[in-house]
Amino acid sequence: MRAAVVAYDLHIPESRSLKAKRATIKPIIDGARHRFSVSVAEVEHQNQWQRSVIAVAAVASSLRHLDDILDSVDRFVWSHPGIEVLSTERSWLDG
């Protein structure tokens, strides 16, 4: 078993309220959950209008499959309009 977590530090430049921010990141969170069967949550900056850190956790039977899943999630997050990805951090968990 292989597991990994990726954290995306996001900037939402057009957001002028928490409601607007959540409207921007909700499609990312829900889309990643449904498209890739991963766990996703906003884990930092919940009360800031233009910042968010979203964490994605995935488990797979092989390292190659896990890499494919996380690469697909990367492309999905980076291609989303209305956000700027400031940084990403991928952590591997031994199992």
Protein backbone atom coordinates (compact mmCIF):
# COMPACT_ATOMS: atom_id res chain seq x y z
CA MET A 1 0.00 0.00 0.00
CA ARG A 2 1.18 3.50 -0.88
CA ALA A 3 -0.20 6.81 0.36
CA ALA A 4 0.62 10.44 -0.29
CA VAL A 5 -0.57 13.92 0.54
CA VAL A 6 -0.24 17.00 -1.64
CA ALA A 7 -0.80 20.51 -0.28
CA TYR A 8 -1.59 23.35 -2.68
CA ASP A 9 -1.02 26.89 -1.45
CA LEU A 10 -3.48 29.00 -3.43
CA HIS A 11 -4.01 32.69 -4.06
CA ILE A 12 -7.48 33.79 -5.20
CA PRO A 13 -6.84 37.32 -6.51
CA GLU A 14 -10.43 38.20 -7.50
CA SER A 15 -11.94 37.20 -4.15
CA ARG A 16 -13.38 40.06 -2.10
CA SER A 17 -15.15 37.96 0.54
CA LEU A 18 -15.09 34.55 2.18
CA LYS A 19 -18.22 33.67 0.20
CA ALA A 20 -16.47 34.48 -3.09
CA LYS A 21 -13.39 32.52 -2.03
CA ARG A 22 -15.43 29.45 -1.15
CA ALA A 23 -17.32 29.70 -4.44
CA THR A 24 -13.95 29.55 -6.22
CA ILE A 25 -12.41 26.65 -4.29
CA LYS A 26 -15.54 24.51 -3.91
CA PRO A 27 -15.43 23.28 -7.54
CA ILE A 28 -11.79 22.30 -7.04
CA ILE A 29 -12.52 20.36 -3.85
CA ASP A 30 -15.68 18.68 -5.14
CA GLY A 31 -14.23 18.05 -8.60
CA ALA A 32 -11.09 16.37 -7.28
CA ARG A 33 -13.13 14.17 -4.93
CA HIS A 34 -15.45 12.97 -7.65
CA ARG A 35 -13.03 12.73 -10.58
CA PHE A 36 -10.11 11.09 -8.81
CA SER A 37 -11.61 9.44 -5.69
CA VAL A 38 -9.27 11.28 -3.33
CA SER A 39 -9.81 12.97 0.01
CA VAL A 40 -9.68 16.77 -0.17
CA ALA A 41 -10.00 19.52 2.44
CA GLU A 42 -9.15 23.16 2.96
CA VAL A 43 -6.60 22.96 5.76
CA GLU A 44 -5.28 26.52 6.23
CA HIS A 45 -6.31 30.16 5.79
CA GLN A 46 -10.02 29.38 6.19
CA ASN A 47 -10.73 32.96 7.32
CA GLN A 48 -8.64 34.82 4.73
CA TRP A 49 -10.34 36.09 1.57
CA GLN A 50 -7.59 35.52 -0.95
CA ARG A 51 -5.61 32.58 0.43
CA SER A 52 -6.26 28.89 0.87
CA VAL A 53 -4.31 25.70 1.37
CA ILE A 54 -6.01 22.62 0.00
CA ALA A 55 -4.70 19.18 0.93
CA VAL A 56 -5.31 16.09 -1.20
CA ALA A 57 -4.73 12.59 0.19
CA ALA A 58 -4.64 9.44 -1.93
CA VAL A 59 -4.01 5.74 -1.37
CA ALA A 60 -3.14 3.19 -4.07
CA SER A 61 -1.75 -0.31 -4.34
CA SER A 62 1.33 0.76 -6.30
CA LEU A 63 3.61 3.75 -6.41
CA ARG A 64 3.07 4.12 -10.16
CA HIS A 65 -0.71 4.26 -9.80
CA LEU A 66 -0.42 6.76 -6.96
CA ASP A 67 1.87 8.94 -9.07
CA ASP A 68 -0.65 8.85 -11.93
CA ILE A 69 -3.49 9.90 -9.62
CA LEU A 70 -1.52 12.77 -8.09
CA ASP A 71 -0.26 13.97 -11.48
CA SER A 72 -3.87 14.08 -12.71
CA VAL A 73 -4.94 16.03 -9.62
CA ASP A 74 -2.02 18.43 -10.22
CA ARG A 75 -3.17 19.15 -13.76
CA PHE A 76 -6.76 19.61 -12.55
CA VAL A 77 -5.80 22.11 -9.82
CA TRP A 78 -3.30 24.07 -11.93
CA SER A 79 -5.78 24.43 -14.81
CA HIS A 80 -8.57 25.86 -12.68
CA PRO A 81 -9.44 29.47 -13.58
CA GLY A 82 -9.53 32.12 -10.87
CA ILE A 83 -6.64 30.82 -8.80
CA GLU A 84 -2.88 31.08 -8.70
CA VAL A 85 -0.93 28.15 -7.28
CA LEU A 86 1.81 29.64 -5.11
CA SER A 87 3.40 26.32 -4.17
CA THR A 88 2.82 22.60 -3.83
CA GLU A 89 4.27 20.12 -1.38
CA ARG A 90 4.03 16.37 -1.90
CA SER A 91 4.60 14.04 1.07
CA TRP A 92 4.86 10.27 0.79
CA LEU A 93 3.68 8.01 3.58
CA ASP A 94 5.16 4.55 4.10
CA GLY A 95 2.73 1.72 4.56
